Amino acid sequence: MKSLVLSLAAGAFGSLLALPIAHAQDYQDMNNDANSIRQDQRDIRHDRREQREDIENGNFGAAVKEQGEIEQRRENENETKQDLNNDMSNGYRDNDATRHYHGDDND
């Protein structure tokens, strides 16, 4: 009986130690997602500038290529936003430390 109580106590203590690690990994994942979204947005702005330059210079083939890159980056950004939103809706929305990671602003 004593070994059962000790085993249960050790299991509970081990769970308490593992919980902060799991949350830290979740926060890191959300931080990585937010950084990826910001990078995608920067890359899209850069591609749009290049596309405008290509059109101004009459290089329409390059402009079409830039449009493809913009669409791919937008798709990646939307997938990452969905992942971030899923992470936040899994119980992390109420934590003040994670509110600034939400990627649905109009940057």
C-alpha atoms as a PDB file:
ATOM      1  CA  MET A   1       0.000   0.000   0.000  1.00  0.00           C
ATOM      2  CA  LYS A   2       2.855   2.341   0.880  1.00  0.00           C
ATOM      3  CA  SER A   3       4.481   1.780  -2.533  1.00  0.00           C
ATOM      4  CA  LEU A   4       1.182   2.575  -4.266  1.00  0.00           C
ATOM      5  CA  VAL A   5       0.901   5.895  -2.431  1.00  0.00           C
ATOM      6  CA  LEU A   6       4.526   6.718  -3.241  1.00  0.00           C
ATOM      7  CA  SER A   7       3.989   5.829  -6.903  1.00  0.00           C
ATOM      8  CA  LEU A   8       0.909   8.034  -7.108  1.00  0.00           C
ATOM      9  CA  ALA A   9       2.718  10.898  -5.392  1.00  0.00           C
ATOM     10  CA  ALA A  10       5.710  10.546  -7.727  1.00  0.00           C
ATOM     11  CA  GLY A  11       3.416  10.506 -10.753  1.00  0.00           C
ATOM     12  CA  ALA A  12       1.585  13.616  -9.602  1.00  0.00           C
ATOM     13  CA  PHE A  13       4.853  15.413  -8.891  1.00  0.00           C
ATOM     14  CA  GLY A  14       6.226  14.413 -12.303  1.00  0.00           C
ATOM     15  CA  SER A  15       3.098  15.773 -13.982  1.00  0.00           C
ATOM     16  CA  LEU A  16       3.506  19.084 -12.181  1.00  0.00           C
ATOM     17  CA  LEU A  17       7.082  19.332 -13.410  1.00  0.00           C
ATOM     18  CA  ALA A  18       6.153  18.506 -17.015  1.00  0.00           C
ATOM     19  CA  LEU A  19       3.270  20.991 -17.243  1.00  0.00           C
ATOM     20  CA  PRO A  20       5.390  24.178 -17.445  1.00  0.00           C
ATOM     21  CA  ILE A  21       7.574  22.562 -20.098  1.00  0.00           C
ATOM     22  CA  ALA A  22       4.522  21.784 -22.228  1.00  0.00           C
ATOM     23  CA  HIS A  23       3.264  25.354 -21.878  1.00  0.00           C
ATOM     24  CA  ALA A  24       6.683  26.743 -22.775  1.00  0.00           C
ATOM     25  CA  GLN A  25       6.675  24.679 -25.959  1.00  0.00           C
ATOM     26  CA  ASP A  26       3.178  25.944 -26.789  1.00  0.00           C
ATOM     27  CA  TYR A  27       4.259  29.560 -26.277  1.00  0.00           C
ATOM     28  CA  GLN A  28       7.358  28.993 -28.401  1.00  0.00           C
ATOM     29  CA  ASP A  29       5.211  27.496 -31.176  1.00  0.00           C
ATOM     30  CA  MET A  30       2.876  30.501 -31.078  1.00  0.00           C
ATOM     31  CA  ASN A  31       5.857  32.874 -31.074  1.00  0.00           C
ATOM     32  CA  ASN A  32       7.343  31.068 -34.075  1.00  0.00           C
ATOM     33  CA  ASP A  33       3.995  31.305 -35.886  1.00  0.00           C
ATOM     34  CA  ALA A  34       3.714  35.040 -35.178  1.00  0.00           C
ATOM     35  CA  ASN A  35       7.266  35.621 -36.420  1.00  0.00           C
ATOM     36  CA  SER A  36       6.565  33.598 -39.551  1.00  0.00           C
ATOM     37  CA  ILE A  37       3.445  35.660 -40.269  1.00  0.00           C
ATOM     38  CA  ARG A  38       5.380  38.913 -39.918  1.00  0.00           C
ATOM     39  CA  GLN A  39       8.119  37.596 -42.224  1.00  0.00           C
ATOM     40  CA  ASP A  40       5.552  36.515 -44.820  1.00  0.00           C
ATOM     41  CA  GLN A  41       3.991  39.981 -44.689  1.00  0.00           C
ATOM     42  CA  ARG A  42       7.404  41.635 -45.191  1.00  0.00           C
ATOM     43  CA  ASP A  43       8.161  39.309 -48.099  1.00  0.00           C
ATOM     44  CA  ILE A  44       4.782  40.047 -49.711  1.00  0.00           C
ATOM     45  CA  ARG A  45       5.391  43.803 -49.481  1.00  0.00           C
ATOM     46  CA  HIS A  46       8.826  43.287 -51.051  1.00  0.00           C
ATOM     47  CA  ASP A  47       7.392  41.146 -53.867  1.00  0.00           C
ATOM     48  CA  ARG A  48       4.712  43.758 -54.555  1.00  0.00           C
ATOM     49  CA  ARG A  49       7.382  46.465 -54.894  1.00  0.00           C
ATOM     50  CA  GLU A  50       9.321  44.253 -57.289  1.00  0.00           C
ATOM     51  CA  GLN A  51       6.133  43.523 -59.232  1.00  0.00           C
ATOM     52  CA  ARG A  52       5.361  47.254 -59.587  1.00  0.00           C
ATOM     53  CA  GLU A  53       8.904  47.872 -60.819  1.00  0.00           C
ATOM     54  CA  ASP A  54       8.601  45.022 -63.324  1.00  0.00           C
ATOM     55  CA  ILE A  55       5.320  46.442 -64.663  1.00  0.00           C
ATOM     56  CA  GLU A  56       6.764  49.965 -64.872  1.00  0.00           C
ATOM     57  CA  ASN A  57       9.724  48.595 -66.846  1.00  0.00           C
ATOM     58  CA  GLY A  58       7.502  46.533 -69.144  1.00  0.00           C
ATOM     59  CA  ASN A  59       8.835  43.226 -67.843  1.00  0.00           C
ATOM     60  CA  PHE A  60       5.450  41.519 -67.660  1.00  0.00           C
ATOM     61  CA  GLY A  61       6.821  37.974 -67.478  1.00  0.00           C
ATOM     62  CA  ALA A  62       8.706  38.844 -64.299  1.00  0.00           C
ATOM     63  CA  ALA A  63       5.582  40.565 -62.949  1.00  0.00           C
ATOM     64  CA  VAL A  64       3.597  37.369 -63.453  1.00  0.00           C
ATOM     65  CA  LYS A  65       6.321  35.417 -61.638  1.00  0.00           C
ATOM     66  CA  GLU A  66       6.150  37.878 -58.732  1.00  0.00           C
ATOM     67  CA  GLN A  67       2.365  37.426 -58.609  1.00  0.00           C
ATOM     68  CA  GLY A  68       2.864  33.687 -58.223  1.00  0.00           C
ATOM     69  CA  GLU A  69       5.302  34.285 -55.371  1.00  0.00           C
ATOM     70  CA  ILE A  70       2.851  36.674 -53.706  1.00  0.00           C
ATOM     71  CA  GLU A  71       0.054  34.115 -53.929  1.00  0.00           C
ATOM     72  CA  GLN A  72       2.279  31.374 -52.482  1.00  0.00           C
ATOM     73  CA  ARG A  73       3.400  33.597 -49.613  1.00  0.00           C
ATOM     74  CA  ARG A  74      -0.207  34.631 -48.910  1.00  0.00           C
ATOM     75  CA  GLU A  75      -1.204  30.962 -48.794  1.00  0.00           C
ATOM     76  CA  ASN A  76       1.636  30.211 -46.357  1.00  0.00           C
ATOM     77  CA  GLU A  77       0.655  33.213 -44.245  1.00  0.00           C
ATOM     78  CA  ASN A  78      -2.979  32.075 -44.092  1.00  0.00           C
ATOM     79  CA  GLU A  79      -1.971  28.535 -43.079  1.00  0.00           C
ATOM     80  CA  THR A  80       0.249  29.896 -40.325  1.00  0.00           C
ATOM     81  CA  LYS A  81      -2.529  32.220 -39.137  1.00  0.00           C
ATOM     82  CA  GLN A  82      -4.868  29.244 -38.958  1.00  0.00           C
ATOM     83  CA  ASP A  83      -2.302  27.291 -36.939  1.00  0.00           C
ATOM     84  CA  LEU A  84      -1.825  30.230 -34.575  1.00  0.00           C
ATOM     85  CA  ASN A  85      -5.569  30.687 -34.177  1.00  0.00           C
ATOM     86  CA  ASN A  86      -5.938  26.963 -33.428  1.00  0.00           C
ATOM     87  CA  ASP A  87      -3.188  27.162 -30.816  1.00  0.00           C
ATOM     88  CA  MET A  88      -4.850  30.143 -29.193  1.00  0.00           C
ATOM     89  CA  SER A  89      -8.306  28.561 -29.174  1.00  0.00           C
ATOM     90  CA  ASN A  90      -6.938  25.479 -27.396  1.00  0.00           C
ATOM     91  CA  GLY A  91      -7.056  27.209 -24.039  1.00  0.00           C
ATOM     92  CA  TYR A  92      -4.426  29.915 -24.365  1.00  0.00           C
ATOM     93  CA  ARG A  93      -6.677  32.825 -25.319  1.00  0.00           C
ATOM     94  CA  ASP A  94      -7.179  33.944 -21.703  1.00  0.00           C
ATOM     95  CA  ASN A  95      -3.479  34.308 -20.982  1.00  0.00           C
ATOM     96  CA  ASP A  96      -2.440  37.966 -21.277  1.00  0.00           C
ATOM     97  CA  ALA A  97       1.085  36.971 -22.311  1.00  0.00           C
ATOM     98  CA  THR A  98      -0.196  35.466 -25.578  1.00  0.00           C
ATOM     99  CA  ARG A  99      -2.671  38.109 -26.712  1.00  0.00           C
ATOM    100  CA  HIS A 100      -0.089  40.053 -28.711  1.00  0.00           C
ATOM    101  CA  TYR A 101       0.656  36.983 -30.862  1.00  0.00           C
ATOM    102  CA  HIS A 102      -2.684  37.092 -32.646  1.00  0.00           C
ATOM    103  CA  GLY A 103      -1.970  37.569 -36.340  1.00  0.00           C
ATOM    104  CA  ASP A 104      -5.301  38.893 -37.600  1.00  0.00           C
ATOM    105  CA  ASP A 105      -4.386  42.561 -37.488  1.00  0.00           C
ATOM    106  CA  ASN A 106      -4.164  44.586 -40.684  1.00  0.00           C
ATOM    107  CA  ASP A 107      -0.384  44.860 -41.026  1.00  0.00           C
END
